[in-house]
């Protein structure tokens, strides 16, 4: 069925995509604001503050990646989303990742900000993490793939050796795609190793 153009000649599908991108951009800004908002007194019952910085090296789907990341406790998410699970060793964190994707044909800058949920038993060094972050890429057209547009989502599942206040060594699988916001949505899958430090 052909698209019905509006008076200005812009297809309805294009307007819907623009509105979806606008809503997602506003949600991303809200997540950024929550990530850096100071904790309020009602949130003092959350787990102790956790911070982590590190580097990841990843490869997959004709891209190699070098990532710098920073994570810190997310008291609001902890109390509102994981309050029921805090006895079960889950912790909510904010993750900010800046990356350089080195492609076989072209390169991309990458910025992802969003929640991460970690499961780790007390006094145990191993942890499991999962998360989904809204992501911006500098170029969506390259390396023989059209990723559809600059706004993507990056989901991951990782396992790491992460004793308290010590070096973190991890392995992570991630998938970056646009959740069908655009016509093209091939996605990029990568496997990464990470080295970080918790403090």
N, C-alpha and C. Protein backbone atom coordinates (compact mmCIF):
# COMPACT_ATOMS: atom_id res chain seq x y z
N UNK A 1 0.84 -1.17 0.00
CA UNK A 1 0.00 0.00 0.00
C UNK A 1 0.89 1.24 0.00
N UNK A 2 0.74 2.15 -0.96
CA UNK A 2 1.61 3.32 -1.02
C UNK A 2 1.32 4.26 0.14
N UNK A 3 2.37 4.98 0.55
CA UNK A 3 2.22 5.96 1.63
C UNK A 3 1.43 7.15 1.14
N UNK A 4 0.56 7.66 2.00
CA UNK A 4 -0.22 8.84 1.67
C UNK A 4 0.57 10.08 2.04
N UNK A 5 0.99 10.89 1.06
CA UNK A 5 1.74 12.09 1.42
C UNK A 5 0.84 13.13 2.05
N UNK A 6 1.42 13.92 2.94
CA UNK A 6 0.70 15.03 3.55
C UNK A 6 0.80 16.24 2.64
N UNK A 7 0.19 17.36 3.07
CA UNK A 7 0.20 18.58 2.26
C UNK A 7 1.60 19.04 1.91
N UNK A 8 2.53 18.86 2.84
CA UNK A 8 3.90 19.30 2.57
C UNK A 8 4.72 18.25 1.82
N UNK A 9 4.09 17.14 1.47
CA UNK A 9 4.77 16.11 0.69
C UNK A 9 5.55 15.11 1.52
N UNK A 10 5.54 15.21 2.86
CA UNK A 10 6.28 14.29 3.71
C UNK A 10 5.40 13.08 4.01
N UNK A 11 5.90 11.85 3.79
CA UNK A 11 5.09 10.66 4.04
C UNK A 11 4.74 10.52 5.52
N UNK A 12 3.57 9.92 5.79
CA UNK A 12 3.11 9.70 7.16
C UNK A 12 4.11 8.85 7.93
N UNK A 13 4.67 7.81 7.30
CA UNK A 13 5.63 6.94 7.97
C UNK A 13 6.84 7.72 8.45
N UNK A 14 7.29 8.68 7.67
CA UNK A 14 8.44 9.49 8.06
C UNK A 14 8.12 10.33 9.29
N UNK A 15 6.90 10.86 9.36
CA UNK A 15 6.50 11.67 10.52
C UNK A 15 6.42 10.79 11.76
N UNK A 16 5.87 9.57 11.64
CA UNK A 16 5.81 8.66 12.78
C UNK A 16 7.20 8.32 13.28
N UNK A 17 8.12 8.05 12.37
CA UNK A 17 9.50 7.74 12.77
C UNK A 17 10.13 8.92 13.48
N UNK A 18 9.88 10.14 12.98
CA UNK A 18 10.42 11.34 13.63
C UNK A 18 9.87 11.50 15.03
N UNK A 19 8.58 11.26 15.22
CA UNK A 19 7.98 11.36 16.55
C UNK A 19 8.56 10.31 17.48
N UNK A 20 8.74 9.08 16.99
CA UNK A 20 9.31 8.02 17.81
C UNK A 20 10.72 8.37 18.24
N UNK A 21 11.50 8.90 17.33
CA UNK A 21 12.87 9.29 17.66
C UNK A 21 12.86 10.41 18.69
N UNK A 22 11.95 11.36 18.54
CA UNK A 22 11.84 12.46 19.51
C UNK A 22 11.50 11.96 20.91
N UNK A 23 10.55 11.03 21.00
CA UNK A 23 10.17 10.46 22.30
C UNK A 23 11.34 9.71 22.90
N UNK A 24 12.05 8.92 22.10
CA UNK A 24 13.19 8.18 22.61
C UNK A 24 14.31 9.11 23.04
N UNK A 25 14.51 10.20 22.32
CA UNK A 25 15.53 11.17 22.72
C UNK A 25 15.18 11.79 24.07
N UNK A 26 13.90 12.12 24.28
CA UNK A 26 13.47 12.67 25.58
C UNK A 26 13.66 11.65 26.70
N UNK A 27 13.32 10.39 26.44
CA UNK A 27 13.54 9.35 27.44
C UNK A 27 15.02 9.21 27.76
N UNK A 28 15.87 9.30 26.75
CA UNK A 28 17.32 9.22 26.97
C UNK A 28 17.80 10.37 27.84
N UNK A 29 17.32 11.57 27.57
CA UNK A 29 17.70 12.73 28.39
C UNK A 29 17.23 12.55 29.83
N UNK A 30 16.03 12.01 30.01
CA UNK A 30 15.54 11.75 31.37
C UNK A 30 16.43 10.74 32.08
N UNK A 31 16.87 9.71 31.36
CA UNK A 31 17.75 8.71 31.96
C UNK A 31 19.09 9.33 32.34
N UNK A 32 19.61 10.21 31.50
CA UNK A 32 20.87 10.89 31.81
C UNK A 32 20.69 11.74 33.07
N UNK A 33 19.58 12.46 33.16
CA UNK A 33 19.33 13.30 34.34
C UNK A 33 19.25 12.44 35.60
N UNK A 34 18.56 11.30 35.52
CA UNK A 34 18.48 10.41 36.68
C UNK A 34 19.83 9.82 37.04
N UNK A 35 20.65 9.56 36.02
CA UNK A 35 21.96 8.96 36.28
C UNK A 35 22.83 9.86 37.12
N UNK A 36 22.72 11.16 36.91
CA UNK A 36 23.60 12.09 37.60
C UNK A 36 22.89 12.90 38.68
N UNK A 37 21.64 12.56 38.99
CA UNK A 37 20.91 13.26 40.04
C UNK A 37 21.46 12.85 41.40
N UNK A 38 21.59 13.81 42.33
CA UNK A 38 22.06 13.44 43.67
C UNK A 38 21.02 12.60 44.38
N UNK A 39 21.45 11.67 45.22
CA UNK A 39 20.48 10.85 45.94
C UNK A 39 19.69 11.70 46.93
N UNK A 40 18.43 11.33 47.15
CA UNK A 40 17.61 12.02 48.13
C UNK A 40 17.53 11.17 49.39
N UNK A 41 17.07 11.77 50.47
CA UNK A 41 17.10 11.08 51.76
C UNK A 41 16.30 9.78 51.74
N UNK A 42 15.24 9.71 50.95
CA UNK A 42 14.43 8.49 50.89
C UNK A 42 15.18 7.35 50.25
N UNK A 43 16.30 7.65 49.60
CA UNK A 43 17.04 6.60 48.91
C UNK A 43 18.21 6.08 49.73
N UNK A 44 18.35 6.50 50.97
CA UNK A 44 19.51 6.11 51.75
C UNK A 44 19.50 4.64 52.13
N UNK A 45 18.37 3.95 51.95
CA UNK A 45 18.33 2.54 52.30
C UNK A 45 18.86 1.64 51.20
N UNK A 46 19.32 2.22 50.10
CA UNK A 46 19.83 1.43 48.99
C UNK A 46 21.20 0.86 49.34
N UNK A 47 21.71 -0.10 48.54
CA UNK A 47 23.01 -0.68 48.81
C UNK A 47 24.10 0.38 48.78
N UNK A 48 25.25 0.01 49.36
CA UNK A 48 26.35 0.97 49.42
C UNK A 48 26.75 1.42 48.02
N UNK A 49 27.33 2.60 47.97
CA UNK A 49 27.70 3.18 46.69
C UNK A 49 28.76 2.35 45.99
N UNK A 50 28.56 2.12 44.72
CA UNK A 50 29.52 1.38 43.91
C UNK A 50 29.90 2.24 42.73
N UNK A 51 31.20 2.30 42.45
CA UNK A 51 31.68 2.98 41.25
C UNK A 51 32.69 2.06 40.58
N UNK A 52 32.72 2.15 39.25
CA UNK A 52 33.66 1.31 38.50
C UNK A 52 34.04 2.03 37.22
N UNK A 53 35.31 1.98 36.88
CA UNK A 53 35.79 2.51 35.61
C UNK A 53 36.58 1.41 34.93
N UNK A 54 36.61 1.44 33.60
CA UNK A 54 37.37 0.41 32.92
C UNK A 54 37.39 0.59 31.42
N UNK A 55 37.97 -0.40 30.78
CA UNK A 55 38.12 -0.42 29.33
C UNK A 55 37.66 -1.78 28.81
N UNK A 56 37.05 -1.77 27.63
CA UNK A 56 36.64 -3.01 26.97
C UNK A 56 37.25 -3.05 25.58
N UNK A 57 37.59 -4.24 25.13
CA UNK A 57 38.00 -4.46 23.75
C UNK A 57 37.04 -5.51 23.18
N UNK A 58 36.44 -5.19 22.03
CA UNK A 58 35.40 -6.06 21.47
C UNK A 58 35.65 -6.30 19.99
N UNK A 59 35.05 -7.37 19.48
CA UNK A 59 35.13 -7.67 18.06
C UNK A 59 33.88 -8.41 17.63
N UNK A 60 33.49 -8.17 16.35
CA UNK A 60 32.34 -8.88 15.79
C UNK A 60 31.71 -8.12 14.66
N UNK A 61 31.07 -8.83 13.72
CA UNK A 61 30.33 -8.23 12.60
C UNK A 61 31.12 -7.15 11.87
N UNK A 62 32.37 -7.42 11.54
CA UNK A 62 33.24 -6.51 10.78
C UNK A 62 33.60 -5.24 11.53
N UNK A 63 33.41 -5.20 12.84
CA UNK A 63 33.83 -4.07 13.66
C UNK A 63 34.71 -4.57 14.80
N UNK A 64 35.72 -3.79 15.14
CA UNK A 64 36.46 -3.95 16.39
C UNK A 64 36.15 -2.69 17.20
N UNK A 65 36.12 -2.82 18.50
CA UNK A 65 35.71 -1.69 19.33
C UNK A 65 36.64 -1.54 20.52
N UNK A 66 36.92 -0.30 20.87
CA UNK A 66 37.62 0.04 22.10
C UNK A 66 36.70 0.95 22.90
N UNK A 67 36.32 0.52 24.10
CA UNK A 67 35.32 1.22 24.92
C UNK A 67 35.95 1.70 26.22
N UNK A 68 35.56 2.88 26.65
CA UNK A 68 35.82 3.35 28.00
C UNK A 68 34.47 3.40 28.70
N UNK A 69 34.39 2.87 29.92
CA UNK A 69 33.10 2.87 30.60
C UNK A 69 33.24 3.35 32.05
N UNK A 70 32.11 3.84 32.55
CA UNK A 70 32.00 4.27 33.95
C UNK A 70 30.64 3.81 34.46
N UNK A 71 30.63 3.20 35.62
CA UNK A 71 29.38 2.76 36.25
C UNK A 71 29.31 3.31 37.66
N UNK A 72 28.10 3.66 38.09
CA UNK A 72 27.92 4.00 39.50
C UNK A 72 26.52 3.61 39.95
N UNK A 73 26.37 3.51 41.27
CA UNK A 73 25.11 3.09 41.87
C UNK A 73 23.95 3.95 41.39
N UNK A 74 22.79 3.34 41.29
CA UNK A 74 21.57 4.04 40.86
C UNK A 74 20.52 3.86 41.94
N UNK A 75 20.58 4.69 43.01
CA UNK A 75 19.65 4.51 44.14
C UNK A 75 18.18 4.58 43.74
N UNK A 76 17.83 5.49 42.84
CA UNK A 76 16.43 5.62 42.45
C UNK A 76 15.95 4.34 41.77
N UNK A 77 16.75 3.82 40.82
CA UNK A 77 16.38 2.56 40.15
C UNK A 77 16.33 1.42 41.15
N UNK A 78 17.29 1.40 42.08
CA UNK A 78 17.34 0.34 43.08
C UNK A 78 16.05 0.31 43.90
N UNK A 79 15.62 1.47 44.37
CA UNK A 79 14.44 1.49 45.24
C UNK A 79 13.14 1.33 44.46
N UNK A 80 13.08 1.83 43.22
CA UNK A 80 11.82 1.78 42.47
C UNK A 80 11.66 0.54 41.59
N UNK A 81 12.77 -0.01 41.11
CA UNK A 81 12.67 -1.17 40.22
C UNK A 81 13.16 -2.46 40.87
N UNK A 82 14.14 -2.36 41.76
CA UNK A 82 14.71 -3.58 42.33
C UNK A 82 14.47 -3.71 43.83
N UNK A 83 13.57 -2.92 44.37
CA UNK A 83 13.29 -3.02 45.80
C UNK A 83 12.92 -4.43 46.22
N UNK A 84 12.15 -5.11 45.40
CA UNK A 84 11.73 -6.48 45.69
C UNK A 84 12.88 -7.47 45.59
N UNK A 85 13.93 -7.12 44.86
CA UNK A 85 15.00 -8.07 44.57
C UNK A 85 16.28 -7.80 45.35
N UNK A 86 16.30 -6.76 46.20
CA UNK A 86 17.54 -6.43 46.88
C UNK A 86 18.00 -7.55 47.81
N UNK A 87 17.06 -8.33 48.38
CA UNK A 87 17.45 -9.47 49.21
C UNK A 87 18.06 -10.58 48.37
N UNK A 88 17.83 -10.54 47.08
CA UNK A 88 18.32 -11.59 46.19
C UNK A 88 19.59 -11.17 45.46
N UNK A 89 20.28 -10.18 46.00
CA UNK A 89 21.62 -9.79 45.56
C UNK A 89 21.67 -9.08 44.22
N UNK A 90 20.59 -8.40 43.83
CA UNK A 90 20.59 -7.58 42.62
C UNK A 90 20.93 -6.14 42.97
N UNK A 91 21.68 -5.48 42.09
CA UNK A 91 22.01 -4.07 42.28
C UNK A 91 21.82 -3.34 40.95
N UNK A 92 21.25 -2.13 41.03
CA UNK A 92 21.06 -1.29 39.85
C UNK A 92 22.19 -0.28 39.75
N UNK A 93 22.70 -0.10 38.53
CA UNK A 93 23.76 0.88 38.28
C UNK A 93 23.46 1.63 37.00
N UNK A 94 24.06 2.81 36.86
CA UNK A 94 24.06 3.53 35.59
C UNK A 94 25.37 3.24 34.90
N UNK A 95 25.33 3.05 33.60
CA UNK A 95 26.52 2.76 32.80
C UNK A 95 26.63 3.82 31.70
N UNK A 96 27.80 4.44 31.61
CA UNK A 96 28.09 5.39 30.53
C UNK A 96 29.27 4.81 29.76
N UNK A 97 29.10 4.60 28.46
CA UNK A 97 30.15 4.03 27.63
C UNK A 97 30.42 4.93 26.43
N UNK A 98 31.69 5.24 26.22
CA UNK A 98 32.14 5.96 25.03
C UNK A 98 33.05 5.00 24.28
N UNK A 99 32.80 4.82 22.98
CA UNK A 99 33.55 3.81 22.24
C UNK A 99 33.96 4.31 20.86
N UNK A 100 34.96 3.64 20.33
CA UNK A 100 35.42 3.86 18.96
C UNK A 100 35.29 2.53 18.24
N UNK A 101 34.43 2.49 17.24
CA UNK A 101 34.26 1.29 16.43
C UNK A 101 35.16 1.40 15.22
N UNK A 102 36.10 0.49 15.10
CA UNK A 102 37.01 0.44 13.96
C UNK A 102 36.46 -0.59 12.98
N UNK A 103 35.94 -0.12 11.86
CA UNK A 103 35.33 -1.01 10.89
C UNK A 103 36.26 -1.37 9.76
N UNK A 104 35.93 -2.43 9.04
CA UNK A 104 36.76 -2.84 7.91
C UNK A 104 36.67 -1.83 6.77
N UNK A 105 35.57 -1.04 6.71
CA UNK A 105 35.44 -0.02 5.67
C UNK A 105 35.35 1.40 6.22
N UNK A 106 34.71 1.58 7.38
CA UNK A 106 34.59 2.91 7.98
C UNK A 106 34.54 2.78 9.49
N UNK A 107 34.75 3.90 10.19
CA UNK A 107 34.81 3.92 11.64
C UNK A 107 33.64 4.72 12.20
N UNK A 108 33.29 4.46 13.46
CA UNK A 108 32.17 5.13 14.11
C UNK A 108 32.53 5.52 15.54
N UNK A 109 31.98 6.64 15.99
CA UNK A 109 31.96 6.97 17.40
C UNK A 109 30.67 6.42 17.99
N UNK A 110 30.66 6.17 19.29
CA UNK A 110 29.58 5.43 19.93
C UNK A 110 29.40 5.98 21.34
N UNK A 111 28.19 6.31 21.75
CA UNK A 111 27.89 6.75 23.11
C UNK A 111 26.65 6.02 23.59
N UNK A 112 26.76 5.35 24.74
CA UNK A 112 25.63 4.61 25.31
C UNK A 112 25.49 4.98 26.78
N UNK A 113 24.27 5.27 27.20
CA UNK A 113 23.99 5.62 28.60
C UNK A 113 22.70 4.91 29.00
N UNK A 114 22.75 4.17 30.10
CA UNK A 114 21.54 3.50 30.54
C UNK A 114 21.76 2.60 31.73
N UNK A 115 20.71 1.89 32.15
CA UNK A 115 20.79 1.06 33.34
C UNK A 115 21.46 -0.29 33.10
N UNK A 116 22.10 -0.77 34.17
CA UNK A 116 22.68 -2.10 34.20
C UNK A 116 22.22 -2.74 35.51
N UNK A 117 21.88 -4.00 35.46
CA UNK A 117 21.47 -4.73 36.65
C UNK A 117 22.47 -5.86 36.88
N UNK A 118 23.04 -5.89 38.09
CA UNK A 118 24.06 -6.88 38.42
C UNK A 118 23.57 -7.80 39.53
N UNK A 119 23.95 -9.05 39.42
CA UNK A 119 23.67 -10.03 40.46
C UNK A 119 25.00 -10.55 40.97
N UNK A 120 25.21 -10.40 42.28
CA UNK A 120 26.45 -10.88 42.90
C UNK A 120 26.18 -11.19 44.36
N UNK A 121 26.50 -12.40 44.78
CA UNK A 121 26.31 -12.78 46.18
C UNK A 121 27.37 -12.10 47.03
N UNK A 122 27.03 -11.74 48.27
CA UNK A 122 28.03 -11.14 49.15
C UNK A 122 29.21 -12.09 49.36
N UNK A 123 30.37 -11.52 49.47
CA UNK A 123 31.62 -12.26 49.70
C UNK A 123 31.99 -13.20 48.56
N UNK A 124 31.33 -13.08 47.42
CA UNK A 124 31.66 -13.91 46.25
C UNK A 124 32.23 -13.01 45.16
N UNK A 125 33.27 -13.44 44.45
CA UNK A 125 33.89 -12.55 43.46
C UNK A 125 33.18 -12.51 42.11
N UNK A 126 32.31 -13.48 41.80
CA UNK A 126 31.70 -13.54 40.47
C UNK A 126 30.40 -12.75 40.43
N UNK A 127 30.17 -12.07 39.30
CA UNK A 127 28.92 -11.34 39.11
C UNK A 127 28.40 -11.58 37.70
N UNK A 128 27.10 -11.41 37.54
CA UNK A 128 26.45 -11.46 36.24
C UNK A 128 25.78 -10.10 36.04
N UNK A 129 25.88 -9.55 34.83
CA UNK A 129 25.24 -8.26 34.57
C UNK A 129 24.45 -8.33 33.27
N UNK A 130 23.38 -7.54 33.24
CA UNK A 130 22.60 -7.39 32.01
C UNK A 130 22.07 -5.98 31.97
N UNK A 131 21.86 -5.49 30.76
CA UNK A 131 21.38 -4.12 30.63
C UNK A 131 21.00 -3.78 29.21
N UNK A 132 20.31 -2.65 29.08
CA UNK A 132 19.94 -2.09 27.78
C UNK A 132 20.19 -0.60 27.86
N UNK A 133 20.99 -0.07 26.94
CA UNK A 133 21.30 1.35 26.93
C UNK A 133 20.91 2.00 25.61
N UNK A 134 20.18 3.12 25.66
CA UNK A 134 20.02 3.92 24.45
C UNK A 134 21.40 4.34 23.96
N UNK A 135 21.60 4.31 22.64
CA UNK A 135 22.92 4.49 22.05
C UNK A 135 22.87 5.43 20.86
N UNK A 136 23.88 6.28 20.75
CA UNK A 136 24.04 7.13 19.57
C UNK A 136 25.32 6.71 18.85
N UNK A 137 25.23 6.57 17.52
CA UNK A 137 26.42 6.28 16.72
C UNK A 137 26.64 7.42 15.74
N UNK A 138 27.91 7.68 15.43
CA UNK A 138 28.23 8.85 14.60
C UNK A 138 27.86 8.65 13.14
N UNK A 139 27.89 7.41 12.68
CA UNK A 139 27.55 7.13 11.28
C UNK A 139 26.85 5.79 11.22
N UNK A 140 25.69 5.76 10.62
CA UNK A 140 24.95 4.50 10.54
C UNK A 140 25.16 3.80 9.21
N UNK A 141 25.87 4.42 8.30
CA UNK A 141 26.06 3.86 6.97
C UNK A 141 27.54 3.57 6.75
N UNK A 142 27.90 2.32 6.73
CA UNK A 142 29.30 1.99 6.52
C UNK A 142 29.54 0.54 6.80
N UNK A 143 30.71 0.07 6.43
CA UNK A 143 31.11 -1.31 6.64
C UNK A 143 30.18 -2.30 5.95
N UNK A 144 29.57 -1.85 4.85
CA UNK A 144 28.67 -2.72 4.12
C UNK A 144 27.33 -2.93 4.79
N UNK A 145 27.06 -2.17 5.86
CA UNK A 145 25.78 -2.28 6.58
C UNK A 145 25.19 -0.90 6.73
N UNK A 146 23.89 -0.82 6.54
CA UNK A 146 23.16 0.40 6.89
C UNK A 146 22.42 0.09 8.17
N UNK A 147 22.87 0.67 9.28
CA UNK A 147 22.26 0.40 10.58
C UNK A 147 20.96 1.16 10.78
N UNK A 148 20.52 1.89 9.75
CA UNK A 148 19.22 2.53 9.78
C UNK A 148 19.24 3.98 10.18
N UNK A 149 19.93 4.31 11.26
CA UNK A 149 19.96 5.69 11.74
C UNK A 149 20.88 5.80 12.94
N UNK A 150 21.04 7.01 13.46
CA UNK A 150 22.00 7.23 14.55
C UNK A 150 21.54 6.72 15.91
N UNK A 151 20.23 6.56 16.12
CA UNK A 151 19.73 6.14 17.43
C UNK A 151 19.58 4.63 17.45
N UNK A 152 20.25 3.97 18.41
CA UNK A 152 20.24 2.52 18.53
C UNK A 152 20.01 2.15 19.99
N UNK A 153 19.93 0.86 20.25
CA UNK A 153 19.91 0.33 21.61
C UNK A 153 21.00 -0.72 21.70
N UNK A 154 21.71 -0.76 22.82
CA UNK A 154 22.72 -1.78 23.04
C UNK A 154 22.31 -2.60 24.25
N UNK A 155 22.11 -3.89 24.03
CA UNK A 155 21.79 -4.80 25.13
C UNK A 155 22.99 -5.72 25.35
N UNK A 156 23.17 -6.15 26.59
CA UNK A 156 24.33 -7.01 26.86
C UNK A 156 24.02 -8.00 27.98
N UNK A 157 24.83 -9.04 28.00
CA UNK A 157 24.88 -10.01 29.08
C UNK A 157 26.35 -10.25 29.34
N UNK A 158 26.75 -10.14 30.61
CA UNK A 158 28.16 -10.29 30.92
C UNK A 158 28.39 -11.08 32.19
N UNK A 159 29.57 -11.62 32.32
CA UNK A 159 30.01 -12.28 33.54
C UNK A 159 31.40 -11.74 33.85
N UNK A 160 31.67 -11.52 35.15
CA UNK A 160 32.96 -10.94 35.51
C UNK A 160 33.41 -11.45 36.87
N UNK A 161 34.71 -11.48 37.03
CA UNK A 161 35.33 -11.69 38.32
C UNK A 161 35.52 -10.31 38.90
N UNK A 162 34.80 -9.99 39.99
CA UNK A 162 34.76 -8.62 40.49
C UNK A 162 34.73 -8.58 42.01
N UNK A 163 35.85 -8.91 42.67
CA UNK A 163 35.88 -8.78 44.12
C UNK A 163 35.79 -7.31 44.53
N UNK A 164 35.36 -7.05 45.75
CA UNK A 164 35.20 -5.67 46.22
C UNK A 164 36.52 -4.92 46.18
N UNK A 165 36.49 -3.67 45.74
CA UNK A 165 37.65 -2.77 45.72
C UNK A 165 38.87 -3.41 45.06
N UNK A 166 38.67 -4.04 43.93
CA UNK A 166 39.78 -4.71 43.26
C UNK A 166 39.57 -4.69 41.75
N UNK A 167 40.52 -5.27 41.06
CA UNK A 167 40.47 -5.37 39.61
C UNK A 167 39.27 -6.21 39.16
N UNK A 168 38.62 -5.79 38.08
CA UNK A 168 37.49 -6.50 37.50
C UNK A 168 37.94 -7.08 36.16
N UNK A 169 37.70 -8.36 35.95
CA UNK A 169 38.00 -9.02 34.67
C UNK A 169 36.72 -9.66 34.18
N UNK A 170 36.30 -9.32 32.95
CA UNK A 170 35.01 -9.81 32.50
C UNK A 170 34.94 -10.17 31.04
N UNK A 171 33.88 -10.86 30.69
CA UNK A 171 33.55 -11.25 29.33
C UNK A 171 32.09 -10.85 29.10
N UNK A 172 31.81 -10.28 27.93
CA UNK A 172 30.48 -9.71 27.68
C UNK A 172 30.08 -9.96 26.23
N UNK A 173 28.80 -10.25 26.02
CA UNK A 173 28.22 -10.37 24.69
C UNK A 173 27.22 -9.23 24.55
N UNK A 174 27.30 -8.48 23.44
CA UNK A 174 26.38 -7.35 23.27
C UNK A 174 25.80 -7.33 21.87
N UNK A 175 24.61 -6.74 21.78
CA UNK A 175 23.90 -6.59 20.51
C UNK A 175 23.44 -5.14 20.40
N UNK A 176 23.79 -4.49 19.30
CA UNK A 176 23.37 -3.11 19.05
C UNK A 176 22.47 -3.10 17.82
N UNK A 177 21.26 -2.57 17.98
CA UNK A 177 20.34 -2.44 16.84
C UNK A 177 19.34 -1.34 17.17
N UNK A 178 18.48 -1.01 16.20
CA UNK A 178 17.58 0.13 16.39
C UNK A 178 16.15 -0.26 16.74
N UNK A 179 15.90 -1.51 17.06
CA UNK A 179 14.56 -1.97 17.46
C UNK A 179 13.50 -1.63 16.41
N UNK A 180 13.91 -1.67 15.14
CA UNK A 180 13.02 -1.40 14.00
C UNK A 180 12.46 0.02 13.98
N UNK A 181 13.21 0.98 14.52
CA UNK A 181 12.83 2.39 14.39
C UNK A 181 12.98 2.86 12.95
N UNK A 182 13.91 2.24 12.23
CA UNK A 182 14.19 2.61 10.85
C UNK A 182 13.90 1.42 9.95
N UNK A 183 13.88 1.66 8.65
CA UNK A 183 13.62 0.57 7.70
C UNK A 183 14.70 -0.50 7.76
N UNK A 184 15.95 -0.08 7.89
CA UNK A 184 17.07 -1.03 7.98
C UNK A 184 17.39 -1.30 9.44
N UNK A 185 17.61 -2.59 9.78
CA UNK A 185 17.91 -2.94 11.17
C UNK A 185 18.72 -4.23 11.24
N UNK A 186 19.94 -4.25 10.65
CA UNK A 186 20.71 -5.49 10.66
C UNK A 186 21.33 -5.81 12.02
N UNK A 187 21.64 -4.80 12.82
CA UNK A 187 22.26 -5.03 14.12
C UNK A 187 23.73 -5.37 14.02
N UNK A 188 24.42 -5.20 15.13
CA UNK A 188 25.85 -5.53 15.24
C UNK A 188 26.02 -6.33 16.53
N UNK A 189 26.58 -7.53 16.42
CA UNK A 189 26.86 -8.38 17.57
C UNK A 189 28.35 -8.38 17.84
N UNK A 190 28.74 -8.24 19.11
CA UNK A 190 30.15 -8.23 19.49
C UNK A 190 30.36 -9.03 20.77
N UNK A 191 31.56 -9.54 20.91
CA UNK A 191 32.01 -10.17 22.15
C UNK A 191 33.18 -9.34 22.65
N UNK A 192 33.16 -9.02 23.95
CA UNK A 192 34.22 -8.16 24.48
C UNK A 192 34.81 -8.73 25.76
N UNK A 193 36.04 -8.33 26.02
CA UNK A 193 36.69 -8.56 27.31
C UNK A 193 36.80 -7.21 27.98
N UNK A 194 36.72 -7.19 29.30
CA UNK A 194 36.81 -5.92 30.01
C UNK A 194 37.75 -6.03 31.20
N UNK A 195 38.41 -4.92 31.46
CA UNK A 195 39.27 -4.79 32.63
C UNK A 195 38.86 -3.48 33.29
N UNK A 196 38.52 -3.54 34.56
CA UNK A 196 38.09 -2.34 35.25
C UNK A 196 38.53 -2.36 36.69
N UNK A 197 38.14 -1.33 37.41
CA UNK A 197 38.45 -1.23 38.83
C UNK A 197 37.25 -0.69 39.57
N UNK A 198 36.84 -1.38 40.63
CA UNK A 198 35.73 -0.93 41.48
C UNK A 198 36.28 -0.17 42.67
N UNK A 199 35.59 0.90 43.03
CA UNK A 199 36.01 1.66 44.21
C UNK A 199 34.80 2.25 44.90
